[in-house]
Amino acid sequence: MKYSIIICFSIFIFIGCDNESSINEKNRSKAFLDSLERVKEDSIRQFSINRIKDIKAKYNYSDFFFIYDDFSEEGYYNVQTDYDYKKSQWGKLWLRILDNGELLFASVYFSRERLYHTMIQAKIGDSLITSQEVPLTDYSNIVEGNYVETVYFTNKDNGILNAIVSSKDDENIRIRLIGDEYYTYSLKRNDIIKLKEGYEFANLLKYLELTAKEQHQLGF
């Protein structure tokens, strides 16, 4: 009987130690996996930060710049396609990226005569996309005797920006501004890349969830 008690007690201790060892092993495994996840997350965040800096470094300040207000601690980025400022008539597409990654999409027209454009069309390869009609609210801006019309098509472009971002490298893209009359121009290859990278830039900001102040401190 005495030996039976000793054997049972020994078995109990062995099982208890084995269970405790198993629990400790599970905890160590979980801690290891958690640490790997943190390393992975840190790596992705650092990659995103580096990618943002790489995109901005490609462009002149006038093409892709950050406006930061240290009073409100808010900021936004402007991304615009190229235009020939020496011409008396031109059009361009323009992105404003808020510090939370939200995108505003606009069309700008510059001329000595008003166009009063309220719609845009994009001819991408054989596809034609027409925006919704948007009331023109900003057509009174005058620069050196020329009118500057800015029309915001955010969420009303019917997929024009997404189509540009998704376009193939060899696709020709033409933009038509429709108002009292119409004005048509082609996007240069660099313009298309800039819009694509601006779109990527916005998504990276959404992922990082940094404040405008943090973005400013990081040199974005």
C-alpha atoms as a PDB file:
ATOM      1  CA  MET A   1       0.000   0.000   0.000  1.00  0.00           C
ATOM      2  CA  LYS A   2       2.839   2.324   0.955  1.00  0.00           C
ATOM      3  CA  TYR A   3       4.567   1.720  -2.369  1.00  0.00           C
ATOM      4  CA  SER A   4       1.309   2.280  -4.264  1.00  0.00           C
ATOM      5  CA  ILE A   5       0.881   5.701  -2.661  1.00  0.00           C
ATOM      6  CA  ILE A   6       4.456   6.666  -3.530  1.00  0.00           C
ATOM      7  CA  ILE A   7       4.024   5.544  -7.144  1.00  0.00           C
ATOM      8  CA  CYS A   8       0.723   7.443  -7.520  1.00  0.00           C
ATOM      9  CA  PHE A   9       2.267  10.585  -5.988  1.00  0.00           C
ATOM     10  CA  SER A  10       5.232  10.335  -8.338  1.00  0.00           C
ATOM     11  CA  ILE A  11       2.928   9.965 -11.336  1.00  0.00           C
ATOM     12  CA  PHE A  12       0.911  13.000 -10.174  1.00  0.00           C
ATOM     13  CA  ILE A  13       4.057  15.129  -9.878  1.00  0.00           C
ATOM     14  CA  PHE A  14       5.254  13.948 -13.295  1.00  0.00           C
ATOM     15  CA  ILE A  15       1.925  14.776 -14.956  1.00  0.00           C
ATOM     16  CA  GLY A  16       1.752  18.123 -13.187  1.00  0.00           C
ATOM     17  CA  CYS A  17       5.256  19.038 -14.274  1.00  0.00           C
ATOM     18  CA  ASP A  18       4.515  17.864 -17.799  1.00  0.00           C
ATOM     19  CA  ASN A  19       1.393  20.044 -17.952  1.00  0.00           C
ATOM     20  CA  GLU A  20       3.284  23.022 -16.594  1.00  0.00           C
ATOM     21  CA  SER A  21       6.058  22.436 -19.127  1.00  0.00           C
ATOM     22  CA  SER A  22       3.482  22.241 -21.920  1.00  0.00           C
ATOM     23  CA  ILE A  23       1.877  25.515 -20.797  1.00  0.00           C
ATOM     24  CA  ASN A  24       5.263  27.234 -20.608  1.00  0.00           C
ATOM     25  CA  GLU A  25       6.135  25.956 -24.080  1.00  0.00           C
ATOM     26  CA  LYS A  26       2.855  27.311 -25.468  1.00  0.00           C
ATOM     27  CA  ASN A  27       3.507  30.679 -23.818  1.00  0.00           C
ATOM     28  CA  ARG A  28       7.021  30.774 -25.252  1.00  0.00           C
ATOM     29  CA  SER A  29       5.680  29.877 -28.710  1.00  0.00           C
ATOM     30  CA  LYS A  30       3.023  32.583 -28.501  1.00  0.00           C
ATOM     31  CA  ALA A  31       5.583  35.161 -27.351  1.00  0.00           C
ATOM     32  CA  PHE A  32       7.871  34.151 -30.226  1.00  0.00           C
ATOM     33  CA  LEU A  33       5.055  34.433 -32.793  1.00  0.00           C
ATOM     34  CA  ASP A  34       3.996  37.779 -31.329  1.00  0.00           C
ATOM     35  CA  SER A  35       7.561  39.050 -31.589  1.00  0.00           C
ATOM     36  CA  LEU A  36       7.732  37.890 -35.219  1.00  0.00           C
ATOM     37  CA  GLU A  37       4.469  39.715 -35.925  1.00  0.00           C
ATOM     38  CA  ARG A  38       5.857  42.890 -34.348  1.00  0.00           C
ATOM     39  CA  VAL A  39       9.034  42.602 -36.420  1.00  0.00           C
ATOM     40  CA  LYS A  40       6.921  42.060 -39.534  1.00  0.00           C
ATOM     41  CA  GLU A  41       4.701  45.041 -38.714  1.00  0.00           C
ATOM     42  CA  ASP A  42       7.729  47.246 -37.948  1.00  0.00           C
ATOM     43  CA  SER A  43       9.332  46.178 -41.242  1.00  0.00           C
ATOM     44  CA  ILE A  44       6.174  46.972 -43.230  1.00  0.00           C
ATOM     45  CA  ARG A  45       5.846  50.368 -41.550  1.00  0.00           C
ATOM     46  CA  GLN A  46       9.491  51.206 -42.227  1.00  0.00           C
ATOM     47  CA  PHE A  47       9.120  50.052 -45.826  1.00  0.00           C
ATOM     48  CA  SER A  48       6.047  52.293 -46.175  1.00  0.00           C
ATOM     49  CA  ILE A  49       7.897  55.286 -44.716  1.00  0.00           C
ATOM     50  CA  ASN A  50      10.855  54.704 -47.041  1.00  0.00           C
ATOM     51  CA  ARG A  51       8.522  54.304 -50.037  1.00  0.00           C
ATOM     52  CA  ILE A  52       6.804  57.614 -49.238  1.00  0.00           C
ATOM     53  CA  LYS A  53      10.173  59.371 -49.055  1.00  0.00           C
ATOM     54  CA  ASP A  54      11.288  57.746 -52.324  1.00  0.00           C
ATOM     55  CA  ILE A  55       8.153  58.918 -54.134  1.00  0.00           C
ATOM     56  CA  LYS A  56       8.506  62.499 -52.920  1.00  0.00           C
ATOM     57  CA  ALA A  57      12.223  62.582 -53.725  1.00  0.00           C
ATOM     58  CA  LYS A  58      11.457  61.874 -57.410  1.00  0.00           C
ATOM     59  CA  TYR A  59       9.612  65.132 -57.987  1.00  0.00           C
ATOM     60  CA  ASN A  60      10.228  68.840 -57.866  1.00  0.00           C
ATOM     61  CA  TYR A  61       8.628  70.746 -55.022  1.00  0.00           C
ATOM     62  CA  SER A  62       6.137  72.383 -57.413  1.00  0.00           C
ATOM     63  CA  ASP A  63       4.912  68.962 -58.589  1.00  0.00           C
ATOM     64  CA  PHE A  64       4.536  67.176 -55.262  1.00  0.00           C
ATOM     65  CA  PHE A  65       4.672  69.183 -52.054  1.00  0.00           C
ATOM     66  CA  PHE A  66       3.495  69.149 -48.435  1.00  0.00           C
ATOM     67  CA  ILE A  67       1.770  72.092 -46.792  1.00  0.00           C
ATOM     68  CA  TYR A  68       1.962  71.961 -42.994  1.00  0.00           C
ATOM     69  CA  ASP A  69       0.358  74.434 -40.594  1.00  0.00           C
ATOM     70  CA  ASP A  70       2.095  74.286 -37.223  1.00  0.00           C
ATOM     71  CA  PHE A  71      -0.755  76.256 -35.595  1.00  0.00           C
ATOM     72  CA  SER A  72      -3.476  73.734 -36.412  1.00  0.00           C
ATOM     73  CA  GLU A  73      -0.984  70.845 -36.795  1.00  0.00           C
ATOM     74  CA  GLU A  74      -2.779  69.845 -39.986  1.00  0.00           C
ATOM     75  CA  GLY A  75      -1.369  69.352 -43.453  1.00  0.00           C
ATOM     76  CA  TYR A  76      -1.961  68.166 -46.978  1.00  0.00           C
ATOM     77  CA  TYR A  77      -0.036  67.254 -50.140  1.00  0.00           C
ATOM     78  CA  ASN A  78      -0.548  68.674 -53.620  1.00  0.00           C
ATOM     79  CA  VAL A  79       0.199  66.528 -56.667  1.00  0.00           C
ATOM     80  CA  GLN A  80      -0.329  68.027 -60.108  1.00  0.00           C
ATOM     81  CA  THR A  81       0.306  66.986 -63.686  1.00  0.00           C
ATOM     82  CA  ASP A  82       2.661  69.030 -65.849  1.00  0.00           C
ATOM     83  CA  TYR A  83       1.530  72.034 -67.835  1.00  0.00           C
ATOM     84  CA  ASP A  84       3.241  74.638 -69.987  1.00  0.00           C
ATOM     85  CA  TYR A  85       2.825  77.859 -68.046  1.00  0.00           C
ATOM     86  CA  LYS A  86       4.038  79.838 -71.079  1.00  0.00           C
ATOM     87  CA  LYS A  87       0.926  78.851 -73.017  1.00  0.00           C
ATOM     88  CA  SER A  88      -2.198  80.992 -72.811  1.00  0.00           C
ATOM     89  CA  GLN A  89      -4.394  77.886 -72.518  1.00  0.00           C
ATOM     90  CA  TRP A  90      -3.821  74.631 -70.652  1.00  0.00           C
ATOM     91  CA  GLY A  91      -5.460  72.000 -68.467  1.00  0.00           C
ATOM     92  CA  LYS A  92      -4.164  69.753 -65.719  1.00  0.00           C
ATOM     93  CA  LEU A  93      -5.346  67.150 -63.219  1.00  0.00           C
ATOM     94  CA  TRP A  94      -4.672  67.752 -59.580  1.00  0.00           C
ATOM     95  CA  LEU A  95      -4.681  65.626 -56.437  1.00  0.00           C
ATOM     96  CA  ARG A  96      -4.898  66.946 -52.918  1.00  0.00           C
ATOM     97  CA  ILE A  97      -3.961  64.273 -50.392  1.00  0.00           C
ATOM     98  CA  LEU A  98      -5.045  65.045 -46.837  1.00  0.00           C
ATOM     99  CA  ASP A  99      -2.785  63.950 -43.990  1.00  0.00           C
ATOM    100  CA  ASN A 100      -5.117  60.994 -43.240  1.00  0.00           C
ATOM    101  CA  GLY A 101      -4.726  59.719 -46.814  1.00  0.00           C
ATOM    102  CA  GLU A 102      -8.073  60.974 -48.096  1.00  0.00           C
ATOM    103  CA  LEU A 103      -7.931  61.996 -51.772  1.00  0.00           C
ATOM    104  CA  LEU A 104      -9.484  65.014 -53.460  1.00  0.00           C
ATOM    105  CA  PHE A 105      -9.470  64.899 -57.275  1.00  0.00           C
ATOM    106  CA  ALA A 106      -9.762  68.069 -59.354  1.00  0.00           C
ATOM    107  CA  SER A 107      -9.514  69.418 -62.894  1.00  0.00           C
ATOM    108  CA  VAL A 108      -7.921  72.793 -63.551  1.00  0.00           C
ATOM    109  CA  TYR A 109      -8.336  74.912 -66.677  1.00  0.00           C
ATOM    110  CA  PHE A 110      -6.366  78.074 -67.495  1.00  0.00           C
ATOM    111  CA  SER A 111      -7.189  80.463 -70.340  1.00  0.00           C
ATOM    112  CA  ARG A 112      -7.992  84.048 -71.324  1.00  0.00           C
ATOM    113  CA  GLU A 113     -11.556  82.895 -71.964  1.00  0.00           C
ATOM    114  CA  ARG A 114     -13.806  81.058 -69.548  1.00  0.00           C
ATOM    115  CA  LEU A 115     -14.768  77.485 -70.387  1.00  0.00           C
ATOM    116  CA  TYR A 116     -17.180  76.970 -67.467  1.00  0.00           C
ATOM    117  CA  HIS A 117     -16.360  73.264 -67.500  1.00  0.00           C
ATOM    118  CA  THR A 118     -18.486  71.053 -65.270  1.00  0.00           C
ATOM    119  CA  MET A 119     -17.586  67.595 -66.624  1.00  0.00           C
ATOM    120  CA  ILE A 120     -14.489  65.725 -67.705  1.00  0.00           C
ATOM    121  CA  GLN A 121     -13.966  62.731 -69.955  1.00  0.00           C
ATOM    122  CA  ALA A 122     -11.035  60.355 -70.121  1.00  0.00           C
ATOM    123  CA  LYS A 123     -10.203  58.342 -73.235  1.00  0.00           C
ATOM    124  CA  ILE A 124      -7.997  55.476 -72.088  1.00  0.00           C
ATOM    125  CA  GLY A 125      -7.140  53.189 -74.964  1.00  0.00           C
ATOM    126  CA  ASP A 126     -10.535  52.367 -76.476  1.00  0.00           C
ATOM    127  CA  SER A 127     -12.479  53.110 -73.282  1.00  0.00           C
ATOM    128  CA  LEU A 128     -14.309  56.374 -72.708  1.00  0.00           C
ATOM    129  CA  ILE A 129     -15.323  57.408 -69.179  1.00  0.00           C
ATOM    130  CA  THR A 130     -17.467  60.462 -68.437  1.00  0.00           C
ATOM    131  CA  SER A 131     -17.713  62.061 -65.015  1.00  0.00           C
ATOM    132  CA  GLN A 132     -20.868  63.274 -63.358  1.00  0.00           C
ATOM    133  CA  GLU A 133     -21.750  66.909 -63.915  1.00  0.00           C
ATOM    134  CA  VAL A 134     -20.415  69.055 -61.096  1.00  0.00           C
ATOM    135  CA  PRO A 135     -21.453  72.695 -60.567  1.00  0.00           C
ATOM    136  CA  LEU A 136     -18.552  75.062 -61.203  1.00  0.00           C
ATOM    137  CA  THR A 137     -17.974  77.018 -58.018  1.00  0.00           C
ATOM    138  CA  ASP A 138     -14.441  78.382 -58.486  1.00  0.00           C
ATOM    139  CA  TYR A 139     -14.103  80.259 -61.767  1.00  0.00           C
ATOM    140  CA  SER A 140     -13.433  83.784 -60.531  1.00  0.00           C
ATOM    141  CA  ASN A 141      -9.718  83.271 -59.868  1.00  0.00           C
ATOM    142  CA  ILE A 142      -7.747  85.494 -62.247  1.00  0.00           C
ATOM    143  CA  VAL A 143      -3.972  85.275 -62.743  1.00  0.00           C
ATOM    144  CA  GLU A 144      -2.306  87.919 -64.924  1.00  0.00           C
ATOM    145  CA  GLY A 145      -5.503  88.433 -66.885  1.00  0.00           C
ATOM    146  CA  ASN A 146      -6.210  84.716 -67.313  1.00  0.00           C
ATOM    147  CA  TYR A 147      -9.071  82.757 -65.771  1.00  0.00           C
ATOM    148  CA  VAL A 148      -8.353  79.701 -63.636  1.00  0.00           C
ATOM    149  CA  GLU A 149     -11.200  77.210 -63.221  1.00  0.00           C
ATOM    150  CA  THR A 150     -10.904  74.488 -60.587  1.00  0.00           C
ATOM    151  CA  VAL A 151     -13.569  71.777 -60.449  1.00  0.00           C
ATOM    152  CA  TYR A 152     -13.570  69.036 -57.796  1.00  0.00           C
ATOM    153  CA  PHE A 153     -14.672  65.612 -59.025  1.00  0.00           C
ATOM    154  CA  THR A 154     -14.016  63.674 -55.808  1.00  0.00           C
ATOM    155  CA  ASN A 155     -16.388  60.667 -55.754  1.00  0.00           C
ATOM    156  CA  LYS A 156     -18.052  62.045 -58.898  1.00  0.00           C
ATOM    157  CA  ASP A 157     -15.476  61.109 -61.530  1.00  0.00           C
ATOM    158  CA  ASN A 158     -17.198  57.765 -62.224  1.00  0.00           C
ATOM    159  CA  GLY A 159     -13.898  55.909 -61.886  1.00  0.00           C
ATOM    160  CA  ILE A 160     -11.680  58.125 -64.059  1.00  0.00           C
ATOM    161  CA  LEU A 161      -8.886  58.338 -61.486  1.00  0.00           C
ATOM    162  CA  ASN A 162      -9.013  54.592 -60.775  1.00  0.00           C
ATOM    163  CA  ALA A 163      -8.899  53.875 -64.514  1.00  0.00           C
ATOM    164  CA  ILE A 164      -5.819  56.100 -64.909  1.00  0.00           C
ATOM    165  CA  VAL A 165      -4.137  54.395 -61.937  1.00  0.00           C
ATOM    166  CA  SER A 166      -4.962  50.946 -63.380  1.00  0.00           C
ATOM    167  CA  SER A 167      -3.959  51.797 -66.958  1.00  0.00           C
ATOM    168  CA  LYS A 168      -1.246  49.927 -68.821  1.00  0.00           C
ATOM    169  CA  ASP A 169       2.118  51.557 -69.404  1.00  0.00           C
ATOM    170  CA  ASP A 170       1.631  51.816 -73.155  1.00  0.00           C
ATOM    171  CA  GLU A 171      -1.936  53.185 -73.105  1.00  0.00           C
ATOM    172  CA  ASN A 172      -2.602  56.650 -74.464  1.00  0.00           C
ATOM    173  CA  ILE A 173      -4.710  58.806 -72.132  1.00  0.00           C
ATOM    174  CA  ARG A 174      -6.523  61.940 -73.278  1.00  0.00           C
ATOM    175  CA  ILE A 175      -8.585  64.246 -71.087  1.00  0.00           C
ATOM    176  CA  ARG A 176     -11.468  66.397 -72.304  1.00  0.00           C
ATOM    177  CA  LEU A 177     -12.954  69.248 -70.276  1.00  0.00           C
ATOM    178  CA  ILE A 178     -16.596  69.904 -71.134  1.00  0.00           C
ATOM    179  CA  GLY A 179     -18.296  73.235 -70.575  1.00  0.00           C
ATOM    180  CA  ASP A 180     -19.738  75.848 -72.923  1.00  0.00           C
ATOM    181  CA  GLU A 181     -17.266  74.316 -75.373  1.00  0.00           C
ATOM    182  CA  TYR A 182     -14.572  71.719 -74.744  1.00  0.00           C
ATOM    183  CA  TYR A 183     -10.808  71.527 -74.376  1.00  0.00           C
ATOM    184  CA  THR A 184      -8.763  68.350 -74.912  1.00  0.00           C
ATOM    185  CA  TYR A 185      -5.207  67.487 -73.906  1.00  0.00           C
ATOM    186  CA  SER A 186      -3.059  64.363 -73.494  1.00  0.00           C
ATOM    187  CA  LEU A 187      -1.423  63.144 -70.319  1.00  0.00           C
ATOM    188  CA  LYS A 188       2.308  62.628 -70.597  1.00  0.00           C
ATOM    189  CA  ARG A 189       3.805  59.366 -69.394  1.00  0.00           C
ATOM    190  CA  ASN A 190       5.364  61.158 -66.408  1.00  0.00           C
ATOM    191  CA  ASP A 191       1.943  62.611 -65.513  1.00  0.00           C
ATOM    192  CA  ILE A 192       0.371  59.154 -65.443  1.00  0.00           C
ATOM    193  CA  ILE A 193       3.163  57.784 -63.251  1.00  0.00           C
ATOM    194  CA  LYS A 194       2.808  60.783 -60.940  1.00  0.00           C
ATOM    195  CA  LEU A 195      -0.938  60.190 -60.509  1.00  0.00           C
ATOM    196  CA  LYS A 196      -0.331  56.488 -59.904  1.00  0.00           C
ATOM    197  CA  GLU A 197       2.299  57.223 -57.268  1.00  0.00           C
ATOM    198  CA  GLY A 198       0.118  59.912 -55.710  1.00  0.00           C
ATOM    199  CA  TYR A 199      -2.626  57.312 -55.341  1.00  0.00           C
ATOM    200  CA  GLU A 200      -0.134  54.859 -53.801  1.00  0.00           C
ATOM    201  CA  PHE A 201       1.138  57.643 -51.534  1.00  0.00           C
ATOM    202  CA  ALA A 202      -2.406  58.241 -50.215  1.00  0.00           C
ATOM    203  CA  ASN A 203      -2.913  54.548 -49.442  1.00  0.00           C
ATOM    204  CA  LEU A 204       0.416  54.403 -47.596  1.00  0.00           C
ATOM    205  CA  LEU A 205      -0.638  57.362 -45.436  1.00  0.00           C
ATOM    206  CA  LYS A 206      -3.910  55.586 -44.627  1.00  0.00           C
ATOM    207  CA  TYR A 207      -1.951  52.517 -43.537  1.00  0.00           C
ATOM    208  CA  LEU A 208       0.542  54.426 -41.374  1.00  0.00           C
ATOM    209  CA  GLU A 209      -2.096  56.542 -39.597  1.00  0.00           C
ATOM    210  CA  LEU A 210       0.443  59.223 -38.687  1.00  0.00           C
ATOM    211  CA  THR A 211      -0.565  62.723 -37.665  1.00  0.00           C
ATOM    212  CA  ALA A 212       0.407  65.628 -39.891  1.00  0.00           C
ATOM    213  CA  LYS A 213       2.928  66.685 -37.237  1.00  0.00           C
ATOM    214  CA  GLU A 214       4.549  63.223 -37.281  1.00  0.00           C
ATOM    215  CA  GLN A 215       4.657  63.317 -41.085  1.00  0.00           C
ATOM    216  CA  HIS A 216       6.294  66.750 -40.955  1.00  0.00           C
ATOM    217  CA  GLN A 217       8.875  65.508 -38.430  1.00  0.00           C
ATOM    218  CA  LEU A 218       9.673  62.493 -40.626  1.00  0.00           C
ATOM    219  CA  GLY A 219      10.374  64.807 -43.539  1.00  0.00           C
ATOM    220  CA  PHE A 220       7.422  63.811 -45.723  1.00  0.00           C
END
